[in-house]
Protein backbone atom coordinates (compact mmCIF):
# COMPACT_ATOMS: atom_id res chain seq x y z
CA MET A 1 -18.67 -7.99 -7.17
CA ALA A 2 -18.15 -7.79 -3.39
CA SER A 3 -19.23 -11.85 -2.97
CA TRP A 4 -15.33 -12.44 -3.37
CA LEU A 5 -14.45 -10.29 -1.19
CA PRO A 6 -12.96 -12.32 2.73
CA GLU A 7 -15.64 -12.16 5.27
CA THR A 8 -12.93 -9.92 7.20
CA LEU A 9 -12.40 -6.54 5.11
CA PHE A 10 -10.09 -5.02 7.51
CA GLU A 11 -7.88 -4.97 10.50
CA ILE A 12 -6.17 -2.78 12.80
CA VAL A 13 -4.74 -3.02 16.04
CA GLY A 14 -2.64 -0.27 18.10
CA GLN A 15 -2.35 1.25 21.29
CA GLY A 16 -4.31 4.43 22.01
CA PRO A 17 -3.08 7.75 22.48
CA ALA A 18 -0.63 8.47 25.08
CA PRO A 19 -0.02 8.63 28.12
CA SER A 20 -2.24 5.16 27.47
CA LYS A 21 -1.97 1.98 27.66
CA ASP A 22 -4.91 0.45 26.39
CA TYR A 23 -4.92 -1.97 23.72
CA TYR A 24 -7.04 -1.74 20.51
CA GLN A 25 -8.88 -3.79 17.81
CA LEU A 26 -10.35 -2.74 14.72
CA LEU A 27 -12.08 -5.50 12.64
CA VAL A 28 -14.74 -4.36 9.70
CA THR A 29 -16.49 -7.66 8.17
CA ARG A 30 -18.76 -8.09 5.77
CA SER A 31 -21.87 -6.93 7.67
CA GLN A 32 -19.95 -6.01 11.17
CA VAL A 33 -17.69 -3.36 12.89
CA ILE A 34 -16.29 -5.02 15.84
CA PHE A 35 -14.53 -2.57 18.07
CA ARG A 36 -12.22 -4.38 21.31
CA TRP A 37 -10.26 -2.84 23.84
CA TRP A 38 -8.41 -4.15 26.89
CA LYS A 39 -7.65 -1.96 29.73
CA ILE A 40 -3.70 -1.89 30.90
CA SER A 41 -2.70 -0.17 33.79
CA LEU A 42 -0.26 -0.80 36.83
CA ARG A 43 -2.73 0.42 39.51
CA SER A 44 -3.79 -2.03 41.85
CA GLU A 45 -7.90 -1.00 41.59
CA ASN A 46 -7.75 -1.09 37.01
CA ARG A 47 -6.47 -4.55 37.42
CA SER A 48 -9.90 -5.81 37.20
CA ALA A 49 -11.44 -4.16 34.40
CA LYS A 50 -12.51 -6.97 31.74
CA PRO A 51 -11.79 -6.89 27.84
CA GLY A 52 -14.72 -5.19 26.17
CA GLU A 53 -16.50 -5.02 23.19
CA VAL A 54 -18.40 -3.71 21.05
CA LYS A 55 -20.22 -4.99 17.99
CA GLU A 56 -22.42 -2.93 15.33
CA SER A 57 -23.87 -3.89 12.00
CA HIS A 58 -22.77 -1.65 8.99
CA PRO A 59 -25.44 1.10 9.06
CA ASP A 60 -25.61 1.20 12.96
CA PHE A 61 -21.87 2.03 12.91
CA LEU A 62 -22.71 4.61 10.60
CA GLU A 63 -25.07 6.18 13.07
CA ASN A 64 -23.15 5.35 16.31
CA SER A 65 -21.15 8.82 16.78
CA HIS A 66 -19.72 7.69 20.28
CA LEU A 67 -18.21 4.84 18.43
CA GLN A 68 -16.67 7.03 15.58
CA VAL A 69 -14.86 9.29 17.68
CA GLN A 70 -13.42 6.47 20.05
CA ILE A 71 -12.32 4.92 16.65
CA ALA A 72 -11.39 8.30 15.31
CA LEU A 73 -9.38 8.98 18.77
CA VAL A 74 -7.15 5.84 18.42
CA PHE A 75 -6.51 5.18 15.26
CA GLY A 76 -6.88 8.45 13.17
CA ALA A 77 -9.63 10.18 10.87
CA LYS A 78 -7.92 8.48 7.78
CA ILE A 79 -9.22 4.86 9.40
CA LEU A 80 -12.02 5.99 9.96
CA ASP A 81 -12.80 7.16 6.67
CA TYR A 82 -11.69 3.80 5.09
CA VAL A 83 -14.43 1.91 7.53
CA PHE A 84 -16.68 4.56 6.45
CA ASN A 85 -16.12 3.36 2.92
CA LEU A 86 -16.38 -0.59 4.16
CA CYS A 87 -19.47 0.08 5.49
CA GLU A 88 -20.54 1.78 2.61
CA GLY A 89 -20.14 -0.31 0.13
CA ARG A 90 -17.44 1.28 -1.54
CA PHE A 91 -14.43 -0.98 -1.63
CA ASP A 92 -10.91 -0.09 -2.97
CA TYR A 93 -10.40 -3.24 -5.18
CA LEU A 94 -7.24 -2.40 -6.77
CA GLU A 95 -5.52 -2.24 -3.08
CA ARG A 96 -6.78 -5.51 -2.49
CA LEU A 97 -5.41 -7.29 -5.15
CA SER A 98 -1.72 -9.27 -4.38
CA ASP A 99 1.51 -7.37 -5.29
CA SER A 100 2.11 -10.34 -7.89
CA LEU A 101 -0.85 -9.28 -9.66
CA LEU A 102 -0.21 -5.95 -9.81
CA LEU A 103 3.14 -5.88 -10.68
CA HIS A 104 2.28 -8.04 -13.59
CA ILE A 105 -0.60 -5.44 -14.39
CA ILE A 106 1.77 -2.59 -13.90
CA SER A 107 4.52 -4.50 -16.52
CA TYR A 108 2.16 -3.40 -19.31
CA LEU A 109 2.48 -0.21 -18.70
CA ASP A 110 4.56 2.87 -20.38
CA LEU A 111 6.94 4.48 -18.05
CA LYS A 112 5.01 7.42 -18.03
CA ASP A 113 2.17 5.61 -16.81
CA ILE A 114 3.80 4.14 -14.09
CA ALA A 115 5.13 7.20 -13.25
CA SER A 116 1.72 8.81 -12.41
CA LEU A 117 0.93 5.25 -10.87
CA SER A 118 3.57 5.70 -8.87
CA GLN A 119 1.91 8.56 -7.14
CA THR A 120 -1.15 7.38 -6.58
CA SER A 121 -0.35 5.33 -3.07
CA GLN A 122 2.44 4.60 -0.80
CA ARG A 123 1.80 0.70 -1.69
CA LEU A 124 1.94 1.33 -5.79
CA SER A 125 4.76 3.79 -5.06
CA LYS A 126 6.86 1.05 -3.86
CA LEU A 127 5.49 -1.50 -6.55
CA CYS A 128 6.52 0.86 -9.00
CA VAL A 129 10.54 1.46 -8.00
CA SER A 130 10.84 -2.11 -7.01
CA ASP A 131 13.28 -4.37 -8.73
CA LYS A 132 10.82 -6.85 -9.11
CA LEU A 133 9.08 -4.40 -11.81
CA TRP A 134 12.10 -3.11 -13.37
CA GLU A 135 14.31 -6.42 -13.61
CA PRO A 136 12.48 -7.98 -16.34
CA ILE A 137 11.82 -4.73 -18.29
CA VAL A 138 16.04 -4.18 -17.88
CA GLN A 139 16.16 -7.54 -19.74
CA SER A 140 13.21 -7.16 -22.35
CA ALA A 141 15.29 -3.70 -23.23
CA CYS A 142 18.59 -5.44 -23.64
CA ASP A 143 19.94 -7.98 -25.68
CA ASP A 144 22.46 -9.61 -23.30
CA ILE A 145 22.18 -9.19 -19.38
CA THR A 146 25.93 -9.18 -18.25
CA PRO A 147 27.21 -10.75 -15.13
CA GLU A 148 29.22 -6.63 -14.69
CA MET A 149 25.37 -5.49 -15.20
CA ARG A 150 23.71 -7.84 -12.85
CA ALA A 151 26.35 -6.59 -10.27
CA LEU A 152 25.82 -3.08 -10.88
CA ALA A 153 21.91 -3.40 -10.49
CA LYS A 154 22.54 -5.34 -6.72
CA ASP A 155 23.81 -1.81 -6.15
CA VAL A 156 22.04 0.45 -7.36
CA GLY A 157 19.01 -1.25 -8.51
CA TRP A 158 17.43 -2.17 -11.89
CA ARG A 159 14.98 1.09 -12.10
CA GLN A 160 18.37 2.94 -11.94
CA LEU A 161 20.25 0.86 -13.99
CA PHE A 162 17.07 0.78 -16.90
CA PHE A 163 17.43 4.55 -16.67
CA ALA A 164 21.69 5.18 -17.01
CA ASN A 165 20.80 2.46 -19.81
CA GLU A 166 18.01 4.73 -21.76
CA LEU A 167 20.29 7.99 -21.08
CA GLN A 168 23.58 6.04 -22.09
CA LEU A 169 21.22 5.17 -25.62
CA GLN A 170 20.20 8.92 -26.10
CA GLN A 171 23.24 10.26 -26.00
CA LYS A 172 24.74 7.72 -28.27
CA PHE A 173 21.50 8.50 -31.12
CA HIS A 174 22.16 12.23 -30.02
CA HIS A 175 26.06 11.96 -31.08
CA GLY A 176 25.26 9.60 -34.01
CA SER A 177 22.76 12.24 -35.81
CA GLN A 178 25.22 15.15 -34.93
CA ARG A 179 28.13 13.16 -37.12
CA GLY A 180 25.45 12.48 -40.07
CA SER A 181 24.27 16.08 -40.62
CA GLN A 182 27.85 17.16 -40.54
CA VAL A 183 28.70 15.33 -43.49
């Protein structure tokens, strides 16, 4: 299954924790963890420092506590955990799918499932409330999209328009059933 993965599984760059100005790169490939750094200093005695690099195979990285500590200090514990998972062969395939493919998949879910999915990650949360998801949902729920509806959707968003429309339909249905019971 992992054969369709790209050569570079993960890459992140950033500056070291304050007061450091040093620059770091972490690259995880299918077979290696590569940690690079560039020392940035205004002091003349440190200006000659050359960039550094450590390359470890996945099994060696899992044993290298010194490198793990450096990565945790620069990029945080969550990134370190993610790199551990990659090195142990645990890939998050869902997170690797494109937004357009995920939106297509999400469009088949029930509203309750979309709400649940939106709570699983920041990326999925953004997709679950995006206009790219909700515009086709509104179009399939409504017979005709008027220019006024499009203007309103532009102002408040397609998701908000959908739920406002659903609420109106429920109120009409509720009022209609009350009238029918009074006759």
